[in-house]
């Protein structure tokens, strides 16, 4: 199906090789198994340039518990460091 919604298009950005880059964005939520295509038409092209994208499941889409565990361990180590630093600061002030 052809997308008829409004999309945002940025101003052309010139590259060093005298070409330019222009980006068009359309917000949507891809669903597993969907297939999308992007076609570009330009006067310098003999036919539209089309790129096909199919949505596949990825391990990156579900980070799991790894980042949470890493964050929790880092927070715990940091709190122990603050507690130890406070303890030694107080002990050092008592000795002098």
PDB file of N, CA and C in Angstrom:
ATOM      1  N   UNK A   1       0.847  -1.186   0.000  1.00  0.00           N
ATOM      2  CA  UNK A   1       0.000   0.000   0.000  1.00  0.00           C
ATOM      3  C   UNK A   1       0.878   1.231   0.000  1.00  0.00           C
ATOM      4  N   UNK A   2       0.470   2.199  -0.729  1.00  0.00           N
ATOM      5  CA  UNK A   2       1.208   3.444  -0.784  1.00  0.00           C
ATOM      6  C   UNK A   2       0.860   4.284   0.438  1.00  0.00           C
ATOM      7  N   UNK A   3       1.870   4.862   1.035  1.00  0.00           N
ATOM      8  CA  UNK A   3       1.665   5.709   2.214  1.00  0.00           C
ATOM      9  C   UNK A   3       1.265   7.092   1.741  1.00  0.00           C
ATOM     10  N   UNK A   4       0.167   7.593   2.282  1.00  0.00           N
ATOM     11  CA  UNK A   4      -0.317   8.907   1.865  1.00  0.00           C
ATOM     12  C   UNK A   4      -0.236   9.942   2.976  1.00  0.00           C
ATOM     13  N   UNK A   5       0.252   9.525   4.153  1.00  0.00           N
ATOM     14  CA  UNK A   5       0.355  10.468   5.273  1.00  0.00           C
ATOM     15  C   UNK A   5       1.464  11.485   5.004  1.00  0.00           C
ATOM     16  N   UNK A   6       1.372  12.585   5.706  1.00  0.00           N
ATOM     17  CA  UNK A   6       2.410  13.607   5.616  1.00  0.00           C
ATOM     18  C   UNK A   6       3.677  13.094   6.298  1.00  0.00           C
ATOM     19  N   UNK A   7       4.800  13.385   5.725  1.00  0.00           N
ATOM     20  CA  UNK A   7       6.078  13.046   6.347  1.00  0.00           C
ATOM     21  C   UNK A   7       6.910  14.313   6.419  1.00  0.00           C
ATOM     22  N   UNK A   8       7.932  14.286   7.248  1.00  0.00           N
ATOM     23  CA  UNK A   8       8.782  15.469   7.357  1.00  0.00           C
ATOM     24  C   UNK A   8      10.012  15.260   6.480  1.00  0.00           C
ATOM     25  N   UNK A   9      10.356  16.282   5.732  1.00  0.00           N
ATOM     26  CA  UNK A   9      11.507  16.229   4.837  1.00  0.00           C
ATOM     27  C   UNK A   9      12.461  17.344   5.240  1.00  0.00           C
ATOM     28  N   UNK A  10      13.743  16.984   5.414  1.00  0.00           N
ATOM     29  CA  UNK A  10      14.706  18.008   5.795  1.00  0.00           C
ATOM     30  C   UNK A  10      15.241  18.730   4.568  1.00  0.00           C
ATOM     31  N   UNK A  11      15.949  19.797   4.794  1.00  0.00           N
ATOM     32  CA  UNK A  11      16.568  20.574   3.722  1.00  0.00           C
ATOM     33  C   UNK A  11      17.737  19.760   3.170  1.00  0.00           C
ATOM     34  N   UNK A  12      17.962  19.759   1.853  1.00  0.00           N
ATOM     35  CA  UNK A  12      19.095  19.000   1.301  1.00  0.00           C
ATOM     36  C   UNK A  12      20.421  19.405   1.944  1.00  0.00           C
ATOM     37  N   UNK A  13      21.226  18.406   2.285  1.00  0.00           N
ATOM     38  CA  UNK A  13      22.529  18.630   2.895  1.00  0.00           C
ATOM     39  C   UNK A  13      23.609  18.306   1.870  1.00  0.00           C
ATOM     40  N   UNK A  14      24.450  19.273   1.488  1.00  0.00           N
ATOM     41  CA  UNK A  14      25.466  19.008   0.459  1.00  0.00           C
ATOM     42  C   UNK A  14      26.608  18.137   0.996  1.00  0.00           C
ATOM     43  N   UNK A  15      27.073  17.212   0.150  1.00  0.00           N
ATOM     44  CA  UNK A  15      28.236  16.382   0.470  1.00  0.00           C
ATOM     45  C   UNK A  15      29.457  16.948  -0.227  1.00  0.00           C
ATOM     46  N   UNK A  16      30.649  16.486   0.155  1.00  0.00           N
ATOM     47  CA  UNK A  16      31.890  16.991  -0.431  1.00  0.00           C
ATOM     48  C   UNK A  16      32.061  16.593  -1.894  1.00  0.00           C
ATOM     49  N   UNK A  17      31.370  15.526  -2.332  1.00  0.00           N
ATOM     50  CA  UNK A  17      31.526  15.063  -3.712  1.00  0.00           C
ATOM     51  C   UNK A  17      30.473  15.659  -4.653  1.00  0.00           C
ATOM     52  N   UNK A  18      29.886  16.765  -4.293  1.00  0.00           N
ATOM     53  CA  UNK A  18      28.896  17.496  -5.077  1.00  0.00           C
ATOM     54  C   UNK A  18      27.542  16.794  -5.160  1.00  0.00           C
ATOM     55  N   UNK A  19      27.348  15.759  -4.355  1.00  0.00           N
ATOM     56  CA  UNK A  19      26.028  15.143  -4.238  1.00  0.00           C
ATOM     57  C   UNK A  19      25.356  15.754  -3.017  1.00  0.00           C
ATOM     58  N   UNK A  20      24.140  15.357  -2.741  1.00  0.00           N
ATOM     59  CA  UNK A  20      23.491  15.849  -1.541  1.00  0.00           C
ATOM     60  C   UNK A  20      22.700  14.729  -0.884  1.00  0.00           C
ATOM     61  N   UNK A  21      22.408  14.927   0.376  1.00  0.00           N
ATOM     62  CA  UNK A  21      21.626  13.978   1.157  1.00  0.00           C
ATOM     63  C   UNK A  21      20.367  14.681   1.626  1.00  0.00           C
ATOM     64  N   UNK A  22      19.253  14.028   1.455  1.00  0.00           N
ATOM     65  CA  UNK A  22      17.991  14.563   1.946  1.00  0.00           C
ATOM     66  C   UNK A  22      17.241  13.419   2.614  1.00  0.00           C
ATOM     67  N   UNK A  23      16.689  13.674   3.786  1.00  0.00           N
ATOM     68  CA  UNK A  23      16.037  12.629   4.581  1.00  0.00           C
ATOM     69  C   UNK A  23      14.552  12.928   4.709  1.00  0.00           C
ATOM     70  N   UNK A  24      13.755  11.903   4.516  1.00  0.00           N
ATOM     71  CA  UNK A  24      12.319  11.984   4.729  1.00  0.00           C
ATOM     72  C   UNK A  24      11.968  10.980   5.817  1.00  0.00           C
ATOM     73  N   UNK A  25      11.166  11.391   6.776  1.00  0.00           N
ATOM     74  CA  UNK A  25      10.803  10.514   7.893  1.00  0.00           C
ATOM     75  C   UNK A  25       9.304  10.294   7.940  1.00  0.00           C
ATOM     76  N   UNK A  26       8.936   9.069   8.210  1.00  0.00           N
ATOM     77  CA  UNK A  26       7.545   8.704   8.389  1.00  0.00           C
ATOM     78  C   UNK A  26       7.481   7.835   9.633  1.00  0.00           C
ATOM     79  N   UNK A  27       6.723   8.254  10.620  1.00  0.00           N
ATOM     80  CA  UNK A  27       6.655   7.499  11.872  1.00  0.00           C
ATOM     81  C   UNK A  27       5.614   6.394  11.774  1.00  0.00           C
ATOM     82  N   UNK A  28       6.047   5.172  12.132  1.00  0.00           N
ATOM     83  CA  UNK A  28       5.148   4.032  12.180  1.00  0.00           C
ATOM     84  C   UNK A  28       5.801   2.975  13.062  1.00  0.00           C
ATOM     85  N   UNK A  29       5.038   2.001  13.480  1.00  0.00           N
ATOM     86  CA  UNK A  29       5.556   0.911  14.294  1.00  0.00           C
ATOM     87  C   UNK A  29       5.589  -0.350  13.436  1.00  0.00           C
ATOM     88  N   UNK A  30       6.795  -0.834  13.110  1.00  0.00           N
ATOM     89  CA  UNK A  30       6.874  -2.035  12.285  1.00  0.00           C
ATOM     90  C   UNK A  30       6.372  -3.258  13.048  1.00  0.00           C
ATOM     91  N   UNK A  31       5.719  -4.145  12.350  1.00  0.00           N
ATOM     92  CA  UNK A  31       5.205  -5.381  12.924  1.00  0.00           C
ATOM     93  C   UNK A  31       5.990  -6.552  12.338  1.00  0.00           C
ATOM     94  N   UNK A  32       6.206  -7.578  13.153  1.00  0.00           N
ATOM     95  CA  UNK A  32       6.939  -8.754  12.726  1.00  0.00           C
ATOM     96  C   UNK A  32       6.290  -9.359  11.480  1.00  0.00           C
ATOM     97  N   UNK A  33       7.091  -9.606  10.458  1.00  0.00           N
ATOM     98  CA  UNK A  33       6.577 -10.180   9.218  1.00  0.00           C
ATOM     99  C   UNK A  33       6.209  -9.157   8.162  1.00  0.00           C
ATOM    100  N   UNK A  34       6.118  -7.882   8.518  1.00  0.00           N
ATOM    101  CA  UNK A  34       5.797  -6.839   7.540  1.00  0.00           C
ATOM    102  C   UNK A  34       6.965  -6.654   6.570  1.00  0.00           C
ATOM    103  N   UNK A  35       6.660  -6.209   5.381  1.00  0.00           N
ATOM    104  CA  UNK A  35       7.673  -5.871   4.387  1.00  0.00           C
ATOM    105  C   UNK A  35       7.409  -4.444   3.933  1.00  0.00           C
ATOM    106  N   UNK A  36       8.437  -3.625   3.957  1.00  0.00           N
ATOM    107  CA  UNK A  36       8.318  -2.221   3.575  1.00  0.00           C
ATOM    108  C   UNK A  36       9.296  -1.926   2.449  1.00  0.00           C
ATOM    109  N   UNK A  37       8.950  -0.964   1.617  1.00  0.00           N
ATOM    110  CA  UNK A  37       9.870  -0.526   0.580  1.00  0.00           C
ATOM    111  C   UNK A  37       9.921   0.994   0.577  1.00  0.00           C
ATOM    112  N   UNK A  38      11.061   1.501   0.151  1.00  0.00           N
ATOM    113  CA  UNK A  38      11.246   2.941   0.022  1.00  0.00           C
ATOM    114  C   UNK A  38      11.707   3.196  -1.405  1.00  0.00           C
ATOM    115  N   UNK A  39      10.972   4.018  -2.143  1.00  0.00           N
ATOM    116  CA  UNK A  39      11.314   4.325  -3.529  1.00  0.00           C
ATOM    117  C   UNK A  39      11.694   5.797  -3.645  1.00  0.00           C
ATOM    118  N   UNK A  40      12.784   6.045  -4.359  1.00  0.00           N
ATOM    119  CA  UNK A  40      13.261   7.409  -4.583  1.00  0.00           C
ATOM    120  C   UNK A  40      13.180   7.703  -6.070  1.00  0.00           C
ATOM    121  N   UNK A  41      12.558   8.812  -6.412  1.00  0.00           N
ATOM    122  CA  UNK A  41      12.488   9.260  -7.800  1.00  0.00           C
ATOM    123  C   UNK A  41      13.283  10.552  -7.926  1.00  0.00           C
ATOM    124  N   UNK A  42      14.084  10.653  -8.981  1.00  0.00           N
ATOM    125  CA  UNK A  42      14.873  11.854  -9.213  1.00  0.00           C
ATOM    126  C   UNK A  42      15.120  11.971 -10.715  1.00  0.00           C
ATOM    127  N   UNK A  43      15.272  13.188 -11.202  1.00  0.00           N
ATOM    128  CA  UNK A  43      15.447  13.403 -12.636  1.00  0.00           C
ATOM    129  C   UNK A  43      16.708  12.725 -13.175  1.00  0.00           C
ATOM    130  N   UNK A  44      17.717  12.505 -12.338  1.00  0.00           N
ATOM    131  CA  UNK A  44      18.953  11.874 -12.802  1.00  0.00           C
ATOM    132  C   UNK A  44      18.865  10.351 -12.838  1.00  0.00           C
ATOM    133  N   UNK A  45      17.792   9.788 -12.289  1.00  0.00           N
ATOM    134  CA  UNK A  45      17.623   8.336 -12.303  1.00  0.00           C
ATOM    135  C   UNK A  45      16.756   7.922 -13.490  1.00  0.00           C
ATOM    136  N   UNK A  46      17.141   6.846 -14.160  1.00  0.00           N
ATOM    137  CA  UNK A  46      16.340   6.358 -15.283  1.00  0.00           C
ATOM    138  C   UNK A  46      15.064   5.672 -14.816  1.00  0.00           C
ATOM    139  N   UNK A  47      15.094   5.119 -13.611  1.00  0.00           N
ATOM    140  CA  UNK A  47      13.905   4.519 -13.000  1.00  0.00           C
ATOM    141  C   UNK A  47      14.003   4.720 -11.495  1.00  0.00           C
ATOM    142  N   UNK A  48      12.887   4.668 -10.773  1.00  0.00           N
ATOM    143  CA  UNK A  48      12.934   4.859  -9.323  1.00  0.00           C
ATOM    144  C   UNK A  48      13.856   3.832  -8.654  1.00  0.00           C
ATOM    145  N   UNK A  49      14.588   4.279  -7.665  1.00  0.00           N
ATOM    146  CA  UNK A  49      15.470   3.413  -6.884  1.00  0.00           C
ATOM    147  C   UNK A  49      14.667   2.916  -5.683  1.00  0.00           C
ATOM    148  N   UNK A  50      14.561   1.599  -5.534  1.00  0.00           N
ATOM    149  CA  UNK A  50      13.730   1.028  -4.473  1.00  0.00           C
ATOM    150  C   UNK A  50      14.566   0.149  -3.553  1.00  0.00           C
ATOM    151  N   UNK A  51      14.359   0.313  -2.258  1.00  0.00           N
ATOM    152  CA  UNK A  51      15.018  -0.498  -1.231  1.00  0.00           C
ATOM    153  C   UNK A  51      13.921  -1.227  -0.456  1.00  0.00           C
ATOM    154  N   UNK A  52      14.090  -2.545  -0.261  1.00  0.00           N
ATOM    155  CA  UNK A  52      13.103  -3.369   0.449  1.00  0.00           C
ATOM    156  C   UNK A  52      13.602  -3.639   1.865  1.00  0.00           C
ATOM    157  N   UNK A  53      12.708  -3.506   2.834  1.00  0.00           N
ATOM    158  CA  UNK A  53      13.004  -3.796   4.240  1.00  0.00           C
ATOM    159  C   UNK A  53      11.969  -4.786   4.744  1.00  0.00           C
ATOM    160  N   UNK A  54      12.424  -5.909   5.300  1.00  0.00           N
ATOM    161  CA  UNK A  54      11.469  -6.810   5.942  1.00  0.00           C
ATOM    162  C   UNK A  54      11.792  -6.878   7.429  1.00  0.00           C
ATOM    163  N   UNK A  55      10.755  -6.887   8.240  1.00  0.00           N
ATOM    164  CA  UNK A  55      10.898  -6.842   9.684  1.00  0.00           C
ATOM    165  C   UNK A  55      11.142  -8.250  10.198  1.00  0.00           C
ATOM    166  N   UNK A  56      12.237  -8.420  10.919  1.00  0.00           N
ATOM    167  CA  UNK A  56      12.582  -9.714  11.498  1.00  0.00           C
ATOM    168  C   UNK A  56      12.793  -9.547  12.992  1.00  0.00           C
ATOM    169  N   UNK A  57      12.598 -10.651  13.737  1.00  0.00           N
ATOM    170  CA  UNK A  57      12.851 -10.621  15.179  1.00  0.00           C
ATOM    171  C   UNK A  57      14.351 -10.470  15.387  1.00  0.00           C
ATOM    172  N   UNK A  58      14.704  -9.693  16.379  1.00  0.00           N
ATOM    173  CA  UNK A  58      16.115  -9.446  16.661  1.00  0.00           C
ATOM    174  C   UNK A  58      16.366  -9.569  18.148  1.00  0.00           C
ATOM    175  N   UNK A  59      17.530 -10.095  18.497  1.00  0.00           N
ATOM    176  CA  UNK A  59      17.892 -10.192  19.919  1.00  0.00           C
ATOM    177  C   UNK A  59      18.034  -8.796  20.513  1.00  0.00           C
ATOM    178  N   UNK A  60      18.348  -7.801  19.672  1.00  0.00           N
ATOM    179  CA  UNK A  60      18.513  -6.437  20.171  1.00  0.00           C
ATOM    180  C   UNK A  60      17.188  -5.794  20.550  1.00  0.00           C
ATOM    181  N   UNK A  61      16.078  -6.343  20.087  1.00  0.00           N
ATOM    182  CA  UNK A  61      14.797  -5.730  20.386  1.00  0.00           C
ATOM    183  C   UNK A  61      14.365  -5.987  21.828  1.00  0.00           C
ATOM    184  N   UNK A  62      14.924  -7.015  22.475  1.00  0.00           N
ATOM    185  CA  UNK A  62      14.600  -7.325  23.865  1.00  0.00           C
ATOM    186  C   UNK A  62      15.895  -7.400  24.657  1.00  0.00           C
ATOM    187  N   UNK A  63      16.256  -6.331  25.368  1.00  0.00           N
ATOM    188  CA  UNK A  63      17.546  -6.310  26.051  1.00  0.00           C
ATOM    189  C   UNK A  63      17.645  -7.293  27.213  1.00  0.00           C
ATOM    190  N   UNK A  64      16.532  -7.811  27.721  1.00  0.00           N
ATOM    191  CA  UNK A  64      16.582  -8.764  28.827  1.00  0.00           C
ATOM    192  C   UNK A  64      16.937  -8.093  30.137  1.00  0.00           C
ATOM    193  N   UNK A  65      17.511  -8.885  31.048  1.00  0.00           N
ATOM    194  CA  UNK A  65      17.813  -8.371  32.388  1.00  0.00           C
ATOM    195  C   UNK A  65      19.255  -7.906  32.518  1.00  0.00           C
ATOM    196  N   UNK A  66      20.098  -8.143  31.525  1.00  0.00           N
ATOM    197  CA  UNK A  66      21.519  -7.789  31.602  1.00  0.00           C
ATOM    198  C   UNK A  66      21.778  -6.345  31.991  1.00  0.00           C
ATOM    199  N   UNK A  67      21.212  -5.367  31.293  1.00  0.00           N
ATOM    200  CA  UNK A  67      21.472  -3.970  31.657  1.00  0.00           C
ATOM    201  C   UNK A  67      20.982  -3.612  33.060  1.00  0.00           C
ATOM    202  N   UNK A  68      19.868  -4.186  33.486  1.00  0.00           N
ATOM    203  CA  UNK A  68      19.354  -3.900  34.826  1.00  0.00           C
ATOM    204  C   UNK A  68      20.279  -4.455  35.899  1.00  0.00           C
ATOM    205  N   UNK A  69      20.779  -5.668  35.685  1.00  0.00           N
ATOM    206  CA  UNK A  69      21.703  -6.273  36.648  1.00  0.00           C
ATOM    207  C   UNK A  69      22.989  -5.461  36.702  1.00  0.00           C
ATOM    208  N   UNK A  70      23.522  -5.086  35.542  1.00  0.00           N
ATOM    209  CA  UNK A  70      24.747  -4.299  35.498  1.00  0.00           C
ATOM    210  C   UNK A  70      24.567  -2.969  36.231  1.00  0.00           C
ATOM    211  N   UNK A  71      23.436  -2.320  36.029  1.00  0.00           N
ATOM    212  CA  UNK A  71      23.147  -1.052  36.695  1.00  0.00           C
ATOM    213  C   UNK A  71      23.028  -1.246  38.205  1.00  0.00           C
ATOM    214  N   UNK A  72      22.347  -2.310  38.618  1.00  0.00           N
ATOM    215  CA  UNK A  72      22.181  -2.591  40.047  1.00  0.00           C
ATOM    216  C   UNK A  72      23.506  -2.873  40.728  1.00  0.00           C
ATOM    217  N   UNK A  73      24.375  -3.656  40.083  1.00  0.00           N
ATOM    218  CA  UNK A  73      25.694  -3.952  40.653  1.00  0.00           C
ATOM    219  C   UNK A  73      26.519  -2.673  40.751  1.00  0.00           C
ATOM    220  N   UNK A  74      26.470  -1.850  39.703  1.00  0.00           N
ATOM    221  CA  UNK A  74      27.216  -0.590  39.725  1.00  0.00           C
ATOM    222  C   UNK A  74      26.741   0.340  40.830  1.00  0.00           C
ATOM    223  N   UNK A  75      25.434   0.413  41.020  1.00  0.00           N
ATOM    224  CA  UNK A  75      24.879   1.243  42.080  1.00  0.00           C
ATOM    225  C   UNK A  75      25.300   0.727  43.453  1.00  0.00           C
ATOM    226  N   UNK A  76      25.263  -0.587  43.643  1.00  0.00           N
ATOM    227  CA  UNK A  76      25.657  -1.184  44.929  1.00  0.00           C
ATOM    228  C   UNK A  76      27.125  -0.919  45.225  1.00  0.00           C
ATOM    229  N   UNK A  77      27.994  -1.133  44.243  1.00  0.00           N
ATOM    230  CA  UNK A  77      29.423  -0.874  44.437  1.00  0.00           C
ATOM    231  C   UNK A  77      29.658   0.599  44.740  1.00  0.00           C
ATOM    232  N   UNK A  78      28.947   1.481  44.052  1.00  0.00           N
ATOM    233  CA  UNK A  78      29.082   2.912  44.317  1.00  0.00           C
ATOM    234  C   UNK A  78      28.670   3.290  45.718  1.00  0.00           C
ATOM    235  N   UNK A  79      27.558   2.722  46.192  1.00  0.00           N
ATOM    236  CA  UNK A  79      27.104   3.013  47.558  1.00  0.00           C
ATOM    237  C   UNK A  79      28.088   2.491  48.598  1.00  0.00           C
ATOM    238  N   UNK A  80      28.656   1.288  48.357  1.00  0.00           N
ATOM    239  CA  UNK A  80      29.680   0.781  49.279  1.00  0.00           C
ATOM    240  C   UNK A  80      30.902   1.686  49.272  1.00  0.00           C
ATOM    241  N   UNK A  81      31.268   2.224  48.133  1.00  0.00           N
ATOM    242  CA  UNK A  81      32.396   3.139  48.045  1.00  0.00           C
ATOM    243  C   UNK A  81      32.150   4.419  48.828  1.00  0.00           C
ATOM    244  N   UNK A  82      30.939   4.960  48.729  1.00  0.00           N
ATOM    245  CA  UNK A  82      30.593   6.167  49.495  1.00  0.00           C
ATOM    246  C   UNK A  82      30.624   5.866  50.985  1.00  0.00           C
ATOM    247  N   UNK A  83      30.083   4.718  51.395  1.00  0.00           N
ATOM    248  CA  UNK A  83      30.066   4.341  52.812  1.00  0.00           C
ATOM    249  C   UNK A  83      31.495   4.167  53.337  1.00  0.00           C
ATOM    250  N   UNK A  84      32.352   3.491  52.567  1.00  0.00           N
ATOM    251  CA  UNK A  84      33.738   3.285  52.999  1.00  0.00           C
ATOM    252  C   UNK A  84      34.474   4.620  53.066  1.00  0.00           C
ATOM    253  N   UNK A  85      34.273   5.487  52.090  1.00  0.00           N
ATOM    254  CA  UNK A  85      34.919   6.795  52.104  1.00  0.00           C
ATOM    255  C   UNK A  85      34.489   7.624  53.295  1.00  0.00           C
ATOM    256  N   UNK A  86      33.198   7.606  53.619  1.00  0.00           N
ATOM    257  CA  UNK A  86      32.688   8.331  54.788  1.00  0.00           C
ATOM    258  C   UNK A  86      33.288   7.775  56.066  1.00  0.00           C
ATOM    259  N   UNK A  87      33.352   6.440  56.173  1.00  0.00           N
ATOM    260  CA  UNK A  87      33.929   5.791  57.359  1.00  0.00           C
ATOM    261  C   UNK A  87      35.372   6.224  57.572  1.00  0.00           C
ATOM    262  N   UNK A  88      36.189   6.145  56.509  1.00  0.00           N
ATOM    263  CA  UNK A  88      37.601   6.513  56.636  1.00  0.00           C
ATOM    264  C   UNK A  88      37.782   8.010  56.868  1.00  0.00           C
ATOM    265  N   UNK A  89      36.900   8.832  56.364  1.00  0.00           N
ATOM    266  CA  UNK A  89      36.967  10.270  56.598  1.00  0.00           C
ATOM    267  C   UNK A  89      36.718  10.575  58.070  1.00  0.00           C
ATOM    268  N   UNK A  90      35.700   9.930  58.636  1.00  0.00           N
ATOM    269  CA  UNK A  90      35.385  10.133  60.055  1.00  0.00           C
ATOM    270  C   UNK A  90      36.496   9.597  60.923  1.00  0.00           C
ATOM    271  N   UNK A  91      37.027   8.402  60.618  1.00  0.00           N
ATOM    272  CA  UNK A  91      38.126   7.815  61.398  1.00  0.00           C
ATOM    273  C   UNK A  91      39.360   8.699  61.311  1.00  0.00           C
ATOM    274  N   UNK A  92      39.638   9.251  60.135  1.00  0.00           N
ATOM    275  CA  UNK A  92      40.809  10.108  59.973  1.00  0.00           C
ATOM    276  C   UNK A  92      40.692  11.381  60.777  1.00  0.00           C
ATOM    277  N   UNK A  93      39.488  11.945  60.906  1.00  0.00           N
ATOM    278  CA  UNK A  93      39.277  13.160  61.700  1.00  0.00           C
ATOM    279  C   UNK A  93      39.387  12.885  63.177  1.00  0.00           C
ATOM    280  N   UNK A  94      39.025  11.674  63.634  1.00  0.00           N
ATOM    281  CA  UNK A  94      39.119  11.318  65.054  1.00  0.00           C
ATOM    282  C   UNK A  94      40.570  11.158  65.484  1.00  0.00           C
ATOM    283  N   UNK A  95      41.435  10.695  64.597  1.00  0.00           N
ATOM    284  CA  UNK A  95      42.833  10.431  64.931  1.00  0.00           C
ATOM    285  C   UNK A  95      43.650  11.716  65.025  1.00  0.00           C
ATOM    286  N   UNK A  96      43.232  12.785  64.379  1.00  0.00           N
ATOM    287  CA  UNK A  96      44.050  13.992  64.373  1.00  0.00           C
ATOM    288  C   UNK A  96      43.642  15.000  65.388  1.00  0.00           C
TER     289      UNK A  96
END
